[in-house]
Amino acid sequence: MVRVFLLYDHLLDTPYADADDYDDIAGFCKSATLDEIAGHGYVLTPGRYVGAADVEDDGEPFEQKMTRLTATLRDQFAESARLETIIKENLSKLGYDE
């Protein structure tokens, strides 16, 4: 969202003469040709044209990352269940039983 805001803000202050400075940015924006749009049946879903942004390798091995992320997810599930219980108890005290 920040990127979209900054682009919008920049465009508000940029005269149309600078339109030649435009560059496609993978995963963010692309100027599609009419032939490309026709090739997609005139469907204007951005993902058909913009593509995906390049993903930087963080150097963490896949197995290690998955182990770490699944442990975090497991903790978050447990916290979610704990909070759900508290919320249900509070709703029950207020007379809003299921």
PDB file of N, CA and C in Angstrom:
ATOM      1  N   MET A   1       0.815  -1.188   0.000  1.00  0.00           N
ATOM      2  CA  MET A   1       0.000   0.000   0.000  1.00  0.00           C
ATOM      3  C   MET A   1       0.860   1.253   0.000  1.00  0.00           C
ATOM      4  N   VAL A   2       1.960   1.219   0.715  1.00  0.00           N
ATOM      5  CA  VAL A   2       2.833   2.392   0.754  1.00  0.00           C
ATOM      6  C   VAL A   2       3.346   2.693  -0.639  1.00  0.00           C
ATOM      7  N   ARG A   3       3.704   1.650  -1.351  1.00  0.00           N
ATOM      8  CA  ARG A   3       4.228   1.835  -2.707  1.00  0.00           C
ATOM      9  C   ARG A   3       3.178   2.479  -3.609  1.00  0.00           C
ATOM     10  N   VAL A   4       1.931   2.026  -3.490  1.00  0.00           N
ATOM     11  CA  VAL A   4       0.845   2.598  -4.295  1.00  0.00           C
ATOM     12  C   VAL A   4       0.652   4.062  -3.931  1.00  0.00           C
ATOM     13  N   PHE A   5       0.652   4.372  -2.633  1.00  0.00           N
ATOM     14  CA  PHE A   5       0.484   5.759  -2.206  1.00  0.00           C
ATOM     15  C   PHE A   5       1.602   6.635  -2.749  1.00  0.00           C
ATOM     16  N   LEU A   6       2.850   6.171  -2.634  1.00  0.00           N
ATOM     17  CA  LEU A   6       3.977   6.974  -3.110  1.00  0.00           C
ATOM     18  C   LEU A   6       3.897   7.203  -4.609  1.00  0.00           C
ATOM     19  N   LEU A   7       3.490   6.183  -5.363  1.00  0.00           N
ATOM     20  CA  LEU A   7       3.340   6.343  -6.808  1.00  0.00           C
ATOM     21  C   LEU A   7       2.236   7.349  -7.109  1.00  0.00           C
ATOM     22  N   TYR A   8       1.115   7.223  -6.444  1.00  0.00           N
ATOM     23  CA  TYR A   8      -0.009   8.142  -6.648  1.00  0.00           C
ATOM     24  C   TYR A   8       0.415   9.571  -6.325  1.00  0.00           C
ATOM     25  N   ASP A   9       1.093   9.745  -5.202  1.00  0.00           N
ATOM     26  CA  ASP A   9       1.555  11.067  -4.795  1.00  0.00           C
ATOM     27  C   ASP A   9       2.519  11.639  -5.827  1.00  0.00           C
ATOM     28  N   HIS A  10       3.420  10.809  -6.332  1.00  0.00           N
ATOM     29  CA  HIS A  10       4.374  11.243  -7.356  1.00  0.00           C
ATOM     30  C   HIS A  10       3.642  11.653  -8.634  1.00  0.00           C
ATOM     31  N   LEU A  11       2.654  10.867  -9.031  1.00  0.00           N
ATOM     32  CA  LEU A  11       1.935  11.168 -10.270  1.00  0.00           C
ATOM     33  C   LEU A  11       1.152  12.473 -10.171  1.00  0.00           C
ATOM     34  N   LEU A  12       0.679  12.806  -8.989  1.00  0.00           N
ATOM     35  CA  LEU A  12      -0.042  14.068  -8.817  1.00  0.00           C
ATOM     36  C   LEU A  12       0.862  15.271  -9.067  1.00  0.00           C
ATOM     37  N   ASP A  13       2.145  15.115  -8.770  1.00  0.00           N
ATOM     38  CA  ASP A  13       3.098  16.212  -8.923  1.00  0.00           C
ATOM     39  C   ASP A  13       3.887  16.147 -10.220  1.00  0.00           C
ATOM     40  N   THR A  14       3.581  15.182 -11.085  1.00  0.00           N
ATOM     41  CA  THR A  14       4.355  14.974 -12.305  1.00  0.00           C
ATOM     42  C   THR A  14       3.559  15.414 -13.519  1.00  0.00           C
ATOM     43  N   PRO A  15       4.123  16.304 -14.330  1.00  0.00           N
ATOM     44  CA  PRO A  15       3.422  16.689 -15.568  1.00  0.00           C
ATOM     45  C   PRO A  15       3.362  15.507 -16.535  1.00  0.00           C
ATOM     46  N   TYR A  16       2.366  15.518 -17.397  1.00  0.00           N
ATOM     47  CA  TYR A  16       2.194  14.412 -18.338  1.00  0.00           C
ATOM     48  C   TYR A  16       3.388  14.236 -19.258  1.00  0.00           C
ATOM     49  N   ALA A  17       4.186  15.252 -19.444  1.00  0.00           N
ATOM     50  CA  ALA A  17       5.357  15.154 -20.319  1.00  0.00           C
ATOM     51  C   ALA A  17       6.345  14.113 -19.813  1.00  0.00           C
ATOM     52  N   ASP A  18       6.307  13.801 -18.511  1.00  0.00           N
ATOM     53  CA  ASP A  18       7.227  12.812 -17.950  1.00  0.00           C
ATOM     54  C   ASP A  18       6.745  11.382 -18.147  1.00  0.00           C
ATOM     55  N   ALA A  19       5.649  11.193 -18.845  1.00  0.00           N
ATOM     56  CA  ALA A  19       5.089   9.852 -19.035  1.00  0.00           C
ATOM     57  C   ALA A  19       6.068   8.928 -19.741  1.00  0.00           C
ATOM     58  N   ASP A  20       7.025   9.458 -20.496  1.00  0.00           N
ATOM     59  CA  ASP A  20       8.013   8.624 -21.186  1.00  0.00           C
ATOM     60  C   ASP A  20       8.972   7.957 -20.204  1.00  0.00           C
ATOM     61  N   ASP A  21       9.010   8.417 -18.968  1.00  0.00           N
ATOM     62  CA  ASP A  21       9.907   7.847 -17.970  1.00  0.00           C
ATOM     63  C   ASP A  21       9.340   6.583 -17.328  1.00  0.00           C
ATOM     64  N   TYR A  22       8.159   6.148 -17.761  1.00  0.00           N
ATOM     65  CA  TYR A  22       7.491   4.994 -17.163  1.00  0.00           C
ATOM     66  C   TYR A  22       8.276   3.715 -17.423  1.00  0.00           C
ATOM     67  N   ASP A  23       8.344   2.850 -16.418  1.00  0.00           N
ATOM     68  CA  ASP A  23       8.927   1.513 -16.555  1.00  0.00           C
ATOM     69  C   ASP A  23       7.995   0.513 -15.891  1.00  0.00           C
ATOM     70  N   ASP A  24       7.823  -0.655 -16.526  1.00  0.00           N
ATOM     71  CA  ASP A  24       7.078  -1.738 -15.893  1.00  0.00           C
ATOM     72  C   ASP A  24       7.855  -2.192 -14.657  1.00  0.00           C
ATOM     73  N   ILE A  25       7.134  -2.591 -13.614  1.00  0.00           N
ATOM     74  CA  ILE A  25       7.753  -3.132 -12.406  1.00  0.00           C
ATOM     75  C   ILE A  25       7.057  -4.456 -12.110  1.00  0.00           C
ATOM     76  N   ALA A  26       7.806  -5.552 -12.236  1.00  0.00           N
ATOM     77  CA  ALA A  26       7.237  -6.885 -12.026  1.00  0.00           C
ATOM     78  C   ALA A  26       6.546  -6.955 -10.675  1.00  0.00           C
ATOM     79  N   GLY A  27       5.315  -7.479 -10.680  1.00  0.00           N
ATOM     80  CA  GLY A  27       4.551  -7.618  -9.456  1.00  0.00           C
ATOM     81  C   GLY A  27       3.866  -6.348  -9.000  1.00  0.00           C
ATOM     82  N   PHE A  28       4.041  -5.239  -9.731  1.00  0.00           N
ATOM     83  CA  PHE A  28       3.458  -3.970  -9.295  1.00  0.00           C
ATOM     84  C   PHE A  28       2.692  -3.263 -10.406  1.00  0.00           C
ATOM     85  N   CYS A  29       3.319  -3.067 -11.555  1.00  0.00           N
ATOM     86  CA  CYS A  29       2.631  -2.353 -12.632  1.00  0.00           C
ATOM     87  C   CYS A  29       3.198  -2.759 -13.993  1.00  0.00           C
ATOM     88  N   LYS A  30       2.351  -2.650 -15.021  1.00  0.00           N
ATOM     89  CA  LYS A  30       2.760  -2.967 -16.386  1.00  0.00           C
ATOM     90  C   LYS A  30       1.843  -2.227 -17.343  1.00  0.00           C
ATOM     91  N   SER A  31       2.431  -1.726 -18.396  1.00  0.00           N
ATOM     92  CA  SER A  31       1.664  -1.100 -19.464  1.00  0.00           C
ATOM     93  C   SER A  31       1.449  -2.169 -20.535  1.00  0.00           C
ATOM     94  N   ALA A  32       0.244  -2.716 -20.597  1.00  0.00           N
ATOM     95  CA  ALA A  32      -0.066  -3.805 -21.528  1.00  0.00           C
ATOM     96  C   ALA A  32      -0.486  -3.235 -22.879  1.00  0.00           C
ATOM     97  N   THR A  33      -0.130  -3.953 -23.935  1.00  0.00           N
ATOM     98  CA  THR A  33      -0.548  -3.554 -25.277  1.00  0.00           C
ATOM     99  C   THR A  33      -1.971  -4.044 -25.527  1.00  0.00           C
ATOM    100  N   LEU A  34      -2.608  -3.472 -26.526  1.00  0.00           N
ATOM    101  CA  LEU A  34      -3.954  -3.927 -26.888  1.00  0.00           C
ATOM    102  C   LEU A  34      -3.933  -5.387 -27.317  1.00  0.00           C
ATOM    103  N   ASP A  35      -2.863  -5.811 -27.989  1.00  0.00           N
ATOM    104  CA  ASP A  35      -2.752  -7.217 -28.402  1.00  0.00           C
ATOM    105  C   ASP A  35      -2.692  -8.144 -27.186  1.00  0.00           C
ATOM    106  N   GLU A  36      -1.952  -7.747 -26.151  1.00  0.00           N
ATOM    107  CA  GLU A  36      -1.886  -8.558 -24.930  1.00  0.00           C
ATOM    108  C   GLU A  36      -3.264  -8.646 -24.271  1.00  0.00           C
ATOM    109  N   ILE A  37      -3.956  -7.515 -24.211  1.00  0.00           N
ATOM    110  CA  ILE A  37      -5.285  -7.483 -23.598  1.00  0.00           C
ATOM    111  C   ILE A  37      -6.256  -8.344 -24.396  1.00  0.00           C
ATOM    112  N   ALA A  38      -6.202  -8.245 -25.719  1.00  0.00           N
ATOM    113  CA  ALA A  38      -7.056  -9.076 -26.576  1.00  0.00           C
ATOM    114  C   ALA A  38      -6.728 -10.553 -26.372  1.00  0.00           C
ATOM    115  N   GLY A  39      -5.443 -10.865 -26.218  1.00  0.00           N
ATOM    116  CA  GLY A  39      -5.009 -12.243 -26.003  1.00  0.00           C
ATOM    117  C   GLY A  39      -5.550 -12.847 -24.720  1.00  0.00           C
ATOM    118  N   HIS A  40      -5.903 -11.996 -23.784  1.00  0.00           N
ATOM    119  CA  HIS A  40      -6.497 -12.453 -22.522  1.00  0.00           C
ATOM    120  C   HIS A  40      -8.006 -12.263 -22.525  1.00  0.00           C
ATOM    121  N   GLY A  41      -8.579 -12.146 -23.718  1.00  0.00           N
ATOM    122  CA  GLY A  41     -10.033 -12.029 -23.835  1.00  0.00           C
ATOM    123  C   GLY A  41     -10.572 -10.743 -23.232  1.00  0.00           C
ATOM    124  N   TYR A  42      -9.765  -9.699 -23.240  1.00  0.00           N
ATOM    125  CA  TYR A  42     -10.138  -8.377 -22.712  1.00  0.00           C
ATOM    126  C   TYR A  42     -10.433  -8.393 -21.209  1.00  0.00           C
ATOM    127  N   VAL A  43      -9.909  -9.414 -20.541  1.00  0.00           N
ATOM    128  CA  VAL A  43     -10.024  -9.476 -19.085  1.00  0.00           C
ATOM    129  C   VAL A  43      -8.889  -8.630 -18.511  1.00  0.00           C
ATOM    130  N   LEU A  44      -9.225  -7.701 -17.622  1.00  0.00           N
ATOM    131  CA  LEU A  44      -8.233  -6.753 -17.120  1.00  0.00           C
ATOM    132  C   LEU A  44      -7.738  -7.064 -15.708  1.00  0.00           C
ATOM    133  N   THR A  45      -7.818  -8.313 -15.306  1.00  0.00           N
ATOM    134  CA  THR A  45      -7.298  -8.706 -14.004  1.00  0.00           C
ATOM    135  C   THR A  45      -5.795  -8.435 -13.978  1.00  0.00           C
ATOM    136  N   PRO A  46      -5.317  -7.619 -13.034  1.00  0.00           N
ATOM    137  CA  PRO A  46      -3.909  -7.212 -13.036  1.00  0.00           C
ATOM    138  C   PRO A  46      -2.919  -8.369 -13.072  1.00  0.00           C
ATOM    139  N   GLY A  47      -3.216  -9.451 -12.364  1.00  0.00           N
ATOM    140  CA  GLY A  47      -2.287 -10.570 -12.308  1.00  0.00           C
ATOM    141  C   GLY A  47      -1.956 -11.172 -13.662  1.00  0.00           C
ATOM    142  N   ARG A  48      -2.835 -11.012 -14.623  1.00  0.00           N
ATOM    143  CA  ARG A  48      -2.575 -11.541 -15.963  1.00  0.00           C
ATOM    144  C   ARG A  48      -1.455 -10.787 -16.657  1.00  0.00           C
ATOM    145  N   TYR A  49      -1.198  -9.578 -16.240  1.00  0.00           N
ATOM    146  CA  TYR A  49      -0.237  -8.725 -16.932  1.00  0.00           C
ATOM    147  C   TYR A  49       0.975  -8.371 -16.069  1.00  0.00           C
ATOM    148  N   VAL A  50       0.734  -8.106 -14.812  1.00  0.00           N
ATOM    149  CA  VAL A  50       1.788  -7.599 -13.938  1.00  0.00           C
ATOM    150  C   VAL A  50       2.824  -8.665 -13.614  1.00  0.00           C
ATOM    151  N   GLY A  51       2.380  -9.899 -13.426  1.00  0.00           N
ATOM    152  CA  GLY A  51       3.308 -10.960 -13.072  1.00  0.00           C
ATOM    153  C   GLY A  51       3.635 -10.925 -11.589  1.00  0.00           C
ATOM    154  N   ALA A  52       4.686 -11.597 -11.215  1.00  0.00           N
ATOM    155  CA  ALA A  52       5.084 -11.674  -9.809  1.00  0.00           C
ATOM    156  C   ALA A  52       6.402 -10.939  -9.608  1.00  0.00           C
ATOM    157  N   ALA A  53       6.534 -10.346  -8.453  1.00  0.00           N
ATOM    158  CA  ALA A  53       7.779  -9.659  -8.116  1.00  0.00           C
ATOM    159  C   ALA A  53       8.869 -10.689  -7.866  1.00  0.00           C
ATOM    160  N   ASP A  54      10.105 -10.292  -8.119  1.00  0.00           N
ATOM    161  CA  ASP A  54      11.229 -11.163  -7.827  1.00  0.00           C
ATOM    162  C   ASP A  54      11.322 -11.358  -6.319  1.00  0.00           C
ATOM    163  N   VAL A  55      11.553 -12.599  -5.905  1.00  0.00           N
ATOM    164  CA  VAL A  55      11.656 -12.917  -4.487  1.00  0.00           C
ATOM    165  C   VAL A  55      13.127 -13.036  -4.131  1.00  0.00           C
ATOM    166  N   GLU A  56      13.531 -12.293  -3.106  1.00  0.00           N
ATOM    167  CA  GLU A  56      14.920 -12.356  -2.674  1.00  0.00           C
ATOM    168  C   GLU A  56      15.126 -13.579  -1.788  1.00  0.00           C
ATOM    169  N   ASP A  57      16.241 -14.258  -1.988  1.00  0.00           N
ATOM    170  CA  ASP A  57      16.593 -15.407  -1.161  1.00  0.00           C
ATOM    171  C   ASP A  57      17.143 -14.886   0.160  1.00  0.00           C
ATOM    172  N   ASP A  58      16.518 -15.291   1.261  1.00  0.00           N
ATOM    173  CA  ASP A  58      16.970 -14.816   2.568  1.00  0.00           C
ATOM    174  C   ASP A  58      18.091 -15.685   3.137  1.00  0.00           C
ATOM    175  N   GLY A  59      18.475 -16.715   2.409  1.00  0.00           N
ATOM    176  CA  GLY A  59      19.581 -17.559   2.827  1.00  0.00           C
ATOM    177  C   GLY A  59      19.200 -18.654   3.811  1.00  0.00           C
ATOM    178  N   GLU A  60      17.970 -18.639   4.311  1.00  0.00           N
ATOM    179  CA  GLU A  60      17.537 -19.662   5.263  1.00  0.00           C
ATOM    180  C   GLU A  60      17.114 -20.907   4.492  1.00  0.00           C
ATOM    181  N   PRO A  61      17.699 -22.063   4.796  1.00  0.00           N
ATOM    182  CA  PRO A  61      17.321 -23.293   4.097  1.00  0.00           C
ATOM    183  C   PRO A  61      15.824 -23.578   4.253  1.00  0.00           C
ATOM    184  N   PHE A  62      15.234 -24.148   3.203  1.00  0.00           N
ATOM    185  CA  PHE A  62      13.796 -24.392   3.168  1.00  0.00           C
ATOM    186  C   PHE A  62      13.316 -25.196   4.364  1.00  0.00           C
ATOM    187  N   GLU A  63      13.973 -26.316   4.657  1.00  0.00           N
ATOM    188  CA  GLU A  63      13.540 -27.178   5.765  1.00  0.00           C
ATOM    189  C   GLU A  63      13.577 -26.426   7.091  1.00  0.00           C
ATOM    190  N   GLN A  64      14.613 -25.637   7.291  1.00  0.00           N
ATOM    191  CA  GLN A  64      14.741 -24.857   8.524  1.00  0.00           C
ATOM    192  C   GLN A  64      13.627 -23.813   8.610  1.00  0.00           C
ATOM    193  N   LYS A  65      13.354 -23.162   7.486  1.00  0.00           N
ATOM    194  CA  LYS A  65      12.306 -22.139   7.453  1.00  0.00           C
ATOM    195  C   LYS A  65      10.944 -22.761   7.737  1.00  0.00           C
ATOM    196  N   MET A  66      10.656 -23.906   7.112  1.00  0.00           N
ATOM    197  CA  MET A  66       9.361 -24.562   7.320  1.00  0.00           C
ATOM    198  C   MET A  66       9.204 -25.014   8.765  1.00  0.00           C
ATOM    199  N   THR A  67      10.260 -25.523   9.368  1.00  0.00           N
ATOM    200  CA  THR A  67      10.209 -25.933  10.774  1.00  0.00           C
ATOM    201  C   THR A  67       9.902 -24.728  11.659  1.00  0.00           C
ATOM    202  N   ARG A  68      10.590 -23.616  11.408  1.00  0.00           N
ATOM    203  CA  ARG A  68      10.375 -22.397  12.191  1.00  0.00           C
ATOM    204  C   ARG A  68       8.960 -21.861  11.993  1.00  0.00           C
ATOM    205  N   LEU A  69       8.510 -21.799  10.737  1.00  0.00           N
ATOM    206  CA  LEU A  69       7.190 -21.239  10.450  1.00  0.00           C
ATOM    207  C   LEU A  69       6.057 -22.109  10.984  1.00  0.00           C
ATOM    208  N   THR A  70       6.197 -23.432  10.883  1.00  0.00           N
ATOM    209  CA  THR A  70       5.138 -24.303  11.411  1.00  0.00           C
ATOM    210  C   THR A  70       5.092 -24.236  12.935  1.00  0.00           C
ATOM    211  N   ALA A  71       6.238 -24.056  13.586  1.00  0.00           N
ATOM    212  CA  ALA A  71       6.248 -23.892  15.046  1.00  0.00           C
ATOM    213  C   ALA A  71       5.542 -22.593  15.428  1.00  0.00           C
ATOM    214  N   THR A  72       5.814 -21.533  14.682  1.00  0.00           N
ATOM    215  CA  THR A  72       5.140 -20.251  14.929  1.00  0.00           C
ATOM    216  C   THR A  72       3.644 -20.393  14.715  1.00  0.00           C
ATOM    217  N   LEU A  73       3.253 -21.067  13.644  1.00  0.00           N
ATOM    218  CA  LEU A  73       1.840 -21.266  13.346  1.00  0.00           C
ATOM    219  C   LEU A  73       1.157 -22.079  14.444  1.00  0.00           C
ATOM    220  N   ARG A  74       1.829 -23.108  14.929  1.00  0.00           N
ATOM    221  CA  ARG A  74       1.287 -23.930  16.014  1.00  0.00           C
ATOM    222  C   ARG A  74       1.047 -23.066  17.258  1.00  0.00           C
ATOM    223  N   ASP A  75       2.008 -22.203  17.578  1.00  0.00           N
ATOM    224  CA  ASP A  75       1.848 -21.289  18.722  1.00  0.00           C
ATOM    225  C   ASP A  75       0.678 -20.336  18.501  1.00  0.00           C
ATOM    226  N   GLN A  76       0.540 -19.844  17.288  1.00  0.00           N
ATOM    227  CA  GLN A  76      -0.550 -18.917  16.977  1.00  0.00           C
ATOM    228  C   GLN A  76      -1.908 -19.617  17.047  1.00  0.00           C
ATOM    229  N   PHE A  77      -1.978 -20.874  16.612  1.00  0.00           N
ATOM    230  CA  PHE A  77      -3.220 -21.638  16.738  1.00  0.00           C
ATOM    231  C   PHE A  77      -3.591 -21.798  18.215  1.00  0.00           C
ATOM    232  N   ALA A  78      -2.610 -22.109  19.055  1.00  0.00           N
ATOM    233  CA  ALA A  78      -2.868 -22.280  20.486  1.00  0.00           C
ATOM    234  C   ALA A  78      -3.362 -20.969  21.097  1.00  0.00           C
ATOM    235  N   GLU A  79      -2.740 -19.863  20.737  1.00  0.00           N
ATOM    236  CA  GLU A  79      -3.164 -18.553  21.234  1.00  0.00           C
ATOM    237  C   GLU A  79      -4.568 -18.223  20.744  1.00  0.00           C
ATOM    238  N   SER A  80      -4.860 -18.565  19.504  1.00  0.00           N
ATOM    239  CA  SER A  80      -6.190 -18.333  18.944  1.00  0.00           C
ATOM    240  C   SER A  80      -7.248 -19.109  19.733  1.00  0.00           C
ATOM    241  N   ALA A  81      -6.960 -20.367  20.040  1.00  0.00           N
ATOM    242  CA  ALA A  81      -7.906 -21.195  20.799  1.00  0.00           C
ATOM    243  C   ALA A  81      -8.112 -20.622  22.202  1.00  0.00           C
ATOM    244  N   ARG A  82      -7.025 -20.167  22.830  1.00  0.00           N
ATOM    245  CA  ARG A  82      -7.120 -19.579  24.169  1.00  0.00           C
ATOM    246  C   ARG A  82      -7.995 -18.322  24.139  1.00  0.00           C
ATOM    247  N   LEU A  83      -7.763 -17.465  23.155  1.00  0.00           N
ATOM    248  CA  LEU A  83      -8.547 -16.232  23.044  1.00  0.00           C
ATOM    249  C   LEU A  83     -10.007 -16.520  22.708  1.00  0.00           C
ATOM    250  N   GLU A  84     -10.236 -17.536  21.878  1.00  0.00           N
ATOM    251  CA  GLU A  84     -11.614 -17.908  21.537  1.00  0.00           C
ATOM    252  C   GLU A  84     -12.379 -18.321  22.791  1.00  0.00           C
ATOM    253  N   THR A  85     -11.736 -19.094  23.652  1.00  0.00           N
ATOM    254  CA  THR A  85     -12.370 -19.523  24.900  1.00  0.00           C
ATOM    255  C   THR A  85     -12.732 -18.319  25.765  1.00  0.00           C
ATOM    256  N   ILE A  86     -11.807 -17.382  25.891  1.00  0.00           N
ATOM    257  CA  ILE A  86     -12.056 -16.179  26.702  1.00  0.00           C
ATOM    258  C   ILE A  86     -13.201 -15.362  26.116  1.00  0.00           C
ATOM    259  N   ILE A  87     -13.205 -15.192  24.819  1.00  0.00           N
ATOM    260  CA  ILE A  87     -14.265 -14.414  24.158  1.00  0.00           C
ATOM    261  C   ILE A  87     -15.623 -15.078  24.356  1.00  0.00           C
ATOM    262  N   LYS A  88     -15.674 -16.406  24.196  1.00  0.00           N
ATOM    263  CA  LYS A  88     -16.943 -17.124  24.390  1.00  0.00           C
ATOM    264  C   LYS A  88     -17.434 -16.992  25.823  1.00  0.00           C
ATOM    265  N   GLU A  89     -16.516 -17.073  26.787  1.00  0.00           N
ATOM    266  CA  GLU A  89     -16.900 -16.908  28.193  1.00  0.00           C
ATOM    267  C   GLU A  89     -17.458 -15.505  28.433  1.00  0.00           C
ATOM    268  N   ASN A  90     -16.811 -14.496  27.886  1.00  0.00           N
ATOM    269  CA  ASN A  90     -17.275 -13.116  28.060  1.00  0.00           C
ATOM    270  C   ASN A  90     -18.632 -12.897  27.400  1.00  0.00           C
ATOM    271  N   LEU A  91     -18.825 -13.464  26.221  1.00  0.00           N
ATOM    272  CA  LEU A  91     -20.123 -13.342  25.551  1.00  0.00           C
ATOM    273  C   LEU A  91     -21.212 -14.044  26.351  1.00  0.00           C
ATOM    274  N   SER A  92     -20.866 -15.187  26.924  1.00  0.00           N
ATOM    275  CA  SER A  92     -21.823 -15.930  27.742  1.00  0.00           C
ATOM    276  C   SER A  92     -22.227 -15.115  28.970  1.00  0.00           C
ATOM    277  N   LYS A  93     -21.262 -14.458  29.606  1.00  0.00           N
ATOM    278  CA  LYS A  93     -21.552 -13.616  30.772  1.00  0.00           C
ATOM    279  C   LYS A  93     -22.480 -12.460  30.405  1.00  0.00           C
ATOM    280  N   LEU A  94     -22.405 -12.029  29.153  1.00  0.00           N
ATOM    281  CA  LEU A  94     -23.257 -10.934  28.680  1.00  0.00           C
ATOM    282  C   LEU A  94     -24.604 -11.432  28.168  1.00  0.00           C
ATOM    283  N   GLY A  95     -24.797 -12.766  28.212  1.00  0.00           N
ATOM    284  CA  GLY A  95     -26.069 -13.334  27.786  1.00  0.00           C
ATOM    285  C   GLY A  95     -26.138 -13.684  26.313  1.00  0.00           C
ATOM    286  N   TYR A  96     -24.998 -13.781  25.674  1.00  0.00           N
ATOM    287  CA  TYR A  96     -24.973 -14.120  24.244  1.00  0.00           C
ATOM    288  C   TYR A  96     -24.359 -15.504  24.049  1.00  0.00           C
ATOM    289  N   ASP A  97     -25.064 -16.512  24.555  1.00  0.00           N
ATOM    290  CA  ASP A  97     -24.597 -17.893  24.394  1.00  0.00           C
ATOM    291  C   ASP A  97     -24.834 -18.349  22.967  1.00  0.00           C
ATOM    292  N   GLU A  98     -24.093 -19.336  22.586  1.00  0.00           N
ATOM    293  CA  GLU A  98     -24.277 -19.894  21.234  1.00  0.00           C
ATOM    294  C   GLU A  98     -25.512 -20.743  21.181  1.00  0.00           C
TER     295      GLU A  98
END
